Amino acid sequence: MGQLGLGRQFGRLAPRLDGAFRADGVFAHDRLRFVDFVDDVEDLLEDVAWQEQGDKEAADGFEEYMLRHYSG
């Protein structure tokens, strides 16, 4: 994230993602509902889009896309 120039946002992102994945990288469904996780990530993406482009609408559609493709 730092190499992409997103270090400022990553500092806020890391604590919110902590516990969402196990050490092996598998999503921890027993700790967090996937729907809630995707909603939180979309909120974070909107914050980043607002800071970087002044347009939080740039992240619109993320939640719908993720739920449609990965929620099963």
N, C-alpha and C. Protein backbone atom coordinates (compact mmCIF):
# COMPACT_ATOMS: atom_id res chain seq x y z
N MET A 1 0.82 -1.19 0.00
CA MET A 1 0.00 0.00 0.00
C MET A 1 0.87 1.26 0.00
N GLY A 2 1.93 1.21 0.77
CA GLY A 2 2.84 2.35 0.81
C GLY A 2 3.46 2.62 -0.54
N GLN A 3 3.83 1.57 -1.27
CA GLN A 3 4.43 1.73 -2.58
C GLN A 3 3.46 2.33 -3.59
N LEU A 4 2.18 2.15 -3.37
CA LEU A 4 1.17 2.69 -4.25
C LEU A 4 0.79 4.13 -3.88
N GLY A 5 1.43 4.65 -2.83
CA GLY A 5 1.10 6.00 -2.39
C GLY A 5 -0.13 6.06 -1.52
N LEU A 6 -0.53 4.92 -0.96
CA LEU A 6 -1.73 4.87 -0.14
C LEU A 6 -1.40 4.67 1.34
N GLY A 7 -0.19 5.00 1.73
CA GLY A 7 0.22 4.81 3.12
C GLY A 7 -0.67 5.52 4.11
N ARG A 8 -1.09 6.71 3.76
CA ARG A 8 -1.95 7.49 4.67
C ARG A 8 -3.27 6.75 4.91
N GLN A 9 -3.85 6.21 3.86
CA GLN A 9 -5.10 5.49 3.99
C GLN A 9 -4.88 4.12 4.63
N PHE A 10 -3.75 3.49 4.34
CA PHE A 10 -3.49 2.16 4.86
C PHE A 10 -3.43 2.17 6.39
N GLY A 11 -2.94 3.24 6.95
CA GLY A 11 -2.88 3.34 8.41
C GLY A 11 -4.25 3.23 9.05
N ARG A 12 -5.27 3.71 8.37
CA ARG A 12 -6.64 3.60 8.88
C ARG A 12 -7.29 2.30 8.45
N LEU A 13 -6.83 1.75 7.34
CA LEU A 13 -7.42 0.54 6.80
C LEU A 13 -7.03 -0.70 7.59
N ALA A 14 -5.77 -0.81 7.94
CA ALA A 14 -5.26 -2.02 8.60
C ALA A 14 -6.04 -2.42 9.84
N PRO A 15 -6.32 -1.51 10.78
CA PRO A 15 -7.07 -1.92 11.96
C PRO A 15 -8.48 -2.41 11.65
N ARG A 16 -9.10 -1.86 10.61
CA ARG A 16 -10.46 -2.27 10.26
C ARG A 16 -10.49 -3.64 9.60
N LEU A 17 -9.36 -4.03 8.99
CA LEU A 17 -9.29 -5.33 8.35
C LEU A 17 -8.72 -6.39 9.28
N ASP A 18 -8.16 -5.97 10.39
CA ASP A 18 -7.57 -6.90 11.34
C ASP A 18 -8.62 -7.91 11.81
N GLY A 19 -8.29 -9.17 11.70
CA GLY A 19 -9.20 -10.21 12.14
C GLY A 19 -10.15 -10.70 11.05
N ALA A 20 -10.16 -10.02 9.90
CA ALA A 20 -11.06 -10.44 8.83
C ALA A 20 -10.52 -11.66 8.09
N PHE A 21 -9.21 -11.87 8.17
CA PHE A 21 -8.59 -13.01 7.48
C PHE A 21 -7.75 -13.80 8.46
N ARG A 22 -7.72 -15.10 8.26
CA ARG A 22 -6.87 -15.97 9.06
C ARG A 22 -5.44 -15.86 8.57
N ALA A 23 -4.51 -16.44 9.29
CA ALA A 23 -3.09 -16.40 8.92
C ALA A 23 -2.85 -17.00 7.53
N ASP A 24 -3.69 -17.94 7.12
CA ASP A 24 -3.51 -18.56 5.80
C ASP A 24 -4.17 -17.76 4.67
N GLY A 25 -4.75 -16.60 5.01
CA GLY A 25 -5.35 -15.73 4.01
C GLY A 25 -6.81 -16.00 3.71
N VAL A 26 -7.40 -16.97 4.36
CA VAL A 26 -8.81 -17.30 4.16
C VAL A 26 -9.68 -16.35 4.98
N PHE A 27 -10.76 -15.87 4.37
CA PHE A 27 -11.67 -14.97 5.07
C PHE A 27 -12.25 -15.68 6.29
N ALA A 28 -12.29 -15.00 7.42
CA ALA A 28 -12.75 -15.58 8.69
C ALA A 28 -14.26 -15.38 8.84
N HIS A 29 -15.03 -16.22 8.19
CA HIS A 29 -16.50 -16.12 8.23
C HIS A 29 -17.06 -16.27 9.64
N ASP A 30 -16.34 -16.97 10.49
CA ASP A 30 -16.83 -17.17 11.86
C ASP A 30 -16.60 -15.94 12.74
N ARG A 31 -15.83 -14.97 12.26
CA ARG A 31 -15.56 -13.76 13.03
C ARG A 31 -16.30 -12.54 12.50
N LEU A 32 -16.62 -12.55 11.21
CA LEU A 32 -17.19 -11.38 10.58
C LEU A 32 -18.04 -11.81 9.39
N ARG A 33 -19.22 -11.24 9.29
CA ARG A 33 -20.06 -11.55 8.13
C ARG A 33 -19.45 -10.89 6.89
N PHE A 34 -19.44 -11.63 5.79
CA PHE A 34 -18.86 -11.12 4.55
C PHE A 34 -19.56 -9.84 4.10
N VAL A 35 -20.87 -9.77 4.26
CA VAL A 35 -21.65 -8.59 3.89
C VAL A 35 -21.15 -7.36 4.66
N ASP A 36 -20.91 -7.52 5.95
CA ASP A 36 -20.42 -6.40 6.77
C ASP A 36 -19.01 -5.99 6.35
N PHE A 37 -18.17 -6.99 6.04
CA PHE A 37 -16.81 -6.72 5.59
C PHE A 37 -16.82 -5.91 4.30
N VAL A 38 -17.62 -6.33 3.34
CA VAL A 38 -17.69 -5.64 2.05
C VAL A 38 -18.21 -4.22 2.23
N ASP A 39 -19.18 -4.04 3.09
CA ASP A 39 -19.72 -2.70 3.37
C ASP A 39 -18.64 -1.80 3.96
N ASP A 40 -17.86 -2.33 4.90
CA ASP A 40 -16.77 -1.55 5.50
C ASP A 40 -15.71 -1.17 4.46
N VAL A 41 -15.37 -2.12 3.60
CA VAL A 41 -14.36 -1.85 2.57
C VAL A 41 -14.88 -0.79 1.60
N GLU A 42 -16.16 -0.86 1.22
CA GLU A 42 -16.70 0.17 0.34
C GLU A 42 -16.64 1.55 0.99
N ASP A 43 -16.94 1.63 2.28
CA ASP A 43 -16.84 2.91 3.00
C ASP A 43 -15.41 3.43 2.96
N LEU A 44 -14.44 2.54 3.17
CA LEU A 44 -13.04 2.96 3.12
C LEU A 44 -12.65 3.41 1.71
N LEU A 45 -13.11 2.71 0.70
CA LEU A 45 -12.81 3.10 -0.68
C LEU A 45 -13.43 4.46 -1.02
N GLU A 46 -14.61 4.72 -0.50
CA GLU A 46 -15.23 6.03 -0.71
C GLU A 46 -14.40 7.13 -0.06
N ASP A 47 -13.86 6.87 1.13
CA ASP A 47 -13.00 7.84 1.80
C ASP A 47 -11.74 8.10 0.98
N VAL A 48 -11.14 7.03 0.47
CA VAL A 48 -9.93 7.18 -0.35
C VAL A 48 -10.25 7.94 -1.63
N ALA A 49 -11.35 7.59 -2.28
CA ALA A 49 -11.74 8.27 -3.52
C ALA A 49 -11.98 9.75 -3.26
N TRP A 50 -12.58 10.08 -2.14
CA TRP A 50 -12.83 11.48 -1.80
C TRP A 50 -11.51 12.22 -1.58
N GLN A 51 -10.59 11.60 -0.85
CA GLN A 51 -9.30 12.24 -0.57
C GLN A 51 -8.45 12.38 -1.82
N GLU A 52 -8.46 11.39 -2.67
CA GLU A 52 -7.59 11.38 -3.84
C GLU A 52 -8.19 12.12 -5.04
N GLN A 53 -9.51 12.03 -5.22
CA GLN A 53 -10.12 12.59 -6.42
C GLN A 53 -11.23 13.59 -6.13
N GLY A 54 -11.61 13.71 -4.86
CA GLY A 54 -12.71 14.60 -4.52
C GLY A 54 -14.06 14.08 -4.99
N ASP A 55 -14.13 12.76 -5.20
CA ASP A 55 -15.35 12.16 -5.73
C ASP A 55 -15.56 10.79 -5.12
N LYS A 56 -16.38 10.72 -4.08
CA LYS A 56 -16.60 9.43 -3.43
C LYS A 56 -17.44 8.50 -4.28
N GLU A 57 -18.08 9.03 -5.32
CA GLU A 57 -18.89 8.19 -6.22
C GLU A 57 -18.01 7.23 -7.02
N ALA A 58 -16.70 7.47 -7.05
CA ALA A 58 -15.80 6.60 -7.81
C ALA A 58 -15.81 5.17 -7.27
N ALA A 59 -16.22 5.00 -6.02
CA ALA A 59 -16.26 3.66 -5.42
C ALA A 59 -17.65 3.03 -5.51
N ASP A 60 -18.58 3.73 -6.10
CA ASP A 60 -19.94 3.17 -6.23
C ASP A 60 -19.91 1.86 -7.02
N GLY A 61 -20.70 0.96 -6.60
CA GLY A 61 -20.81 -0.32 -7.30
C GLY A 61 -19.90 -1.40 -6.75
N PHE A 62 -18.94 -1.04 -5.88
CA PHE A 62 -18.03 -2.03 -5.34
C PHE A 62 -18.78 -3.10 -4.54
N GLU A 63 -19.63 -2.65 -3.62
CA GLU A 63 -20.34 -3.59 -2.75
C GLU A 63 -21.23 -4.52 -3.58
N GLU A 64 -21.98 -3.96 -4.49
CA GLU A 64 -22.86 -4.78 -5.33
C GLU A 64 -22.05 -5.79 -6.15
N TYR A 65 -20.95 -5.34 -6.72
CA TYR A 65 -20.11 -6.24 -7.52
C TYR A 65 -19.58 -7.39 -6.67
N MET A 66 -19.03 -7.08 -5.50
CA MET A 66 -18.45 -8.10 -4.63
C MET A 66 -19.51 -9.11 -4.17
N LEU A 67 -20.65 -8.62 -3.77
CA LEU A 67 -21.69 -9.53 -3.29
C LEU A 67 -22.23 -10.39 -4.41
N ARG A 68 -22.35 -9.82 -5.58
CA ARG A 68 -22.86 -10.59 -6.71
C ARG A 68 -21.88 -11.69 -7.13
N HIS A 69 -20.58 -11.40 -7.08
CA HIS A 69 -19.58 -12.34 -7.57
C HIS A 69 -19.04 -13.30 -6.51
N TYR A 70 -19.04 -12.90 -5.24
CA TYR A 70 -18.36 -13.72 -4.24
C TYR A 70 -19.22 -14.18 -3.08
N SER A 71 -20.42 -13.70 -2.99
CA SER A 71 -21.24 -14.04 -1.83
C SER A 71 -21.81 -15.44 -1.91
N GLY A 72 -22.11 -15.88 -3.10
CA GLY A 72 -22.64 -17.23 -3.27
C GLY A 72 -23.91 -17.38 -2.52
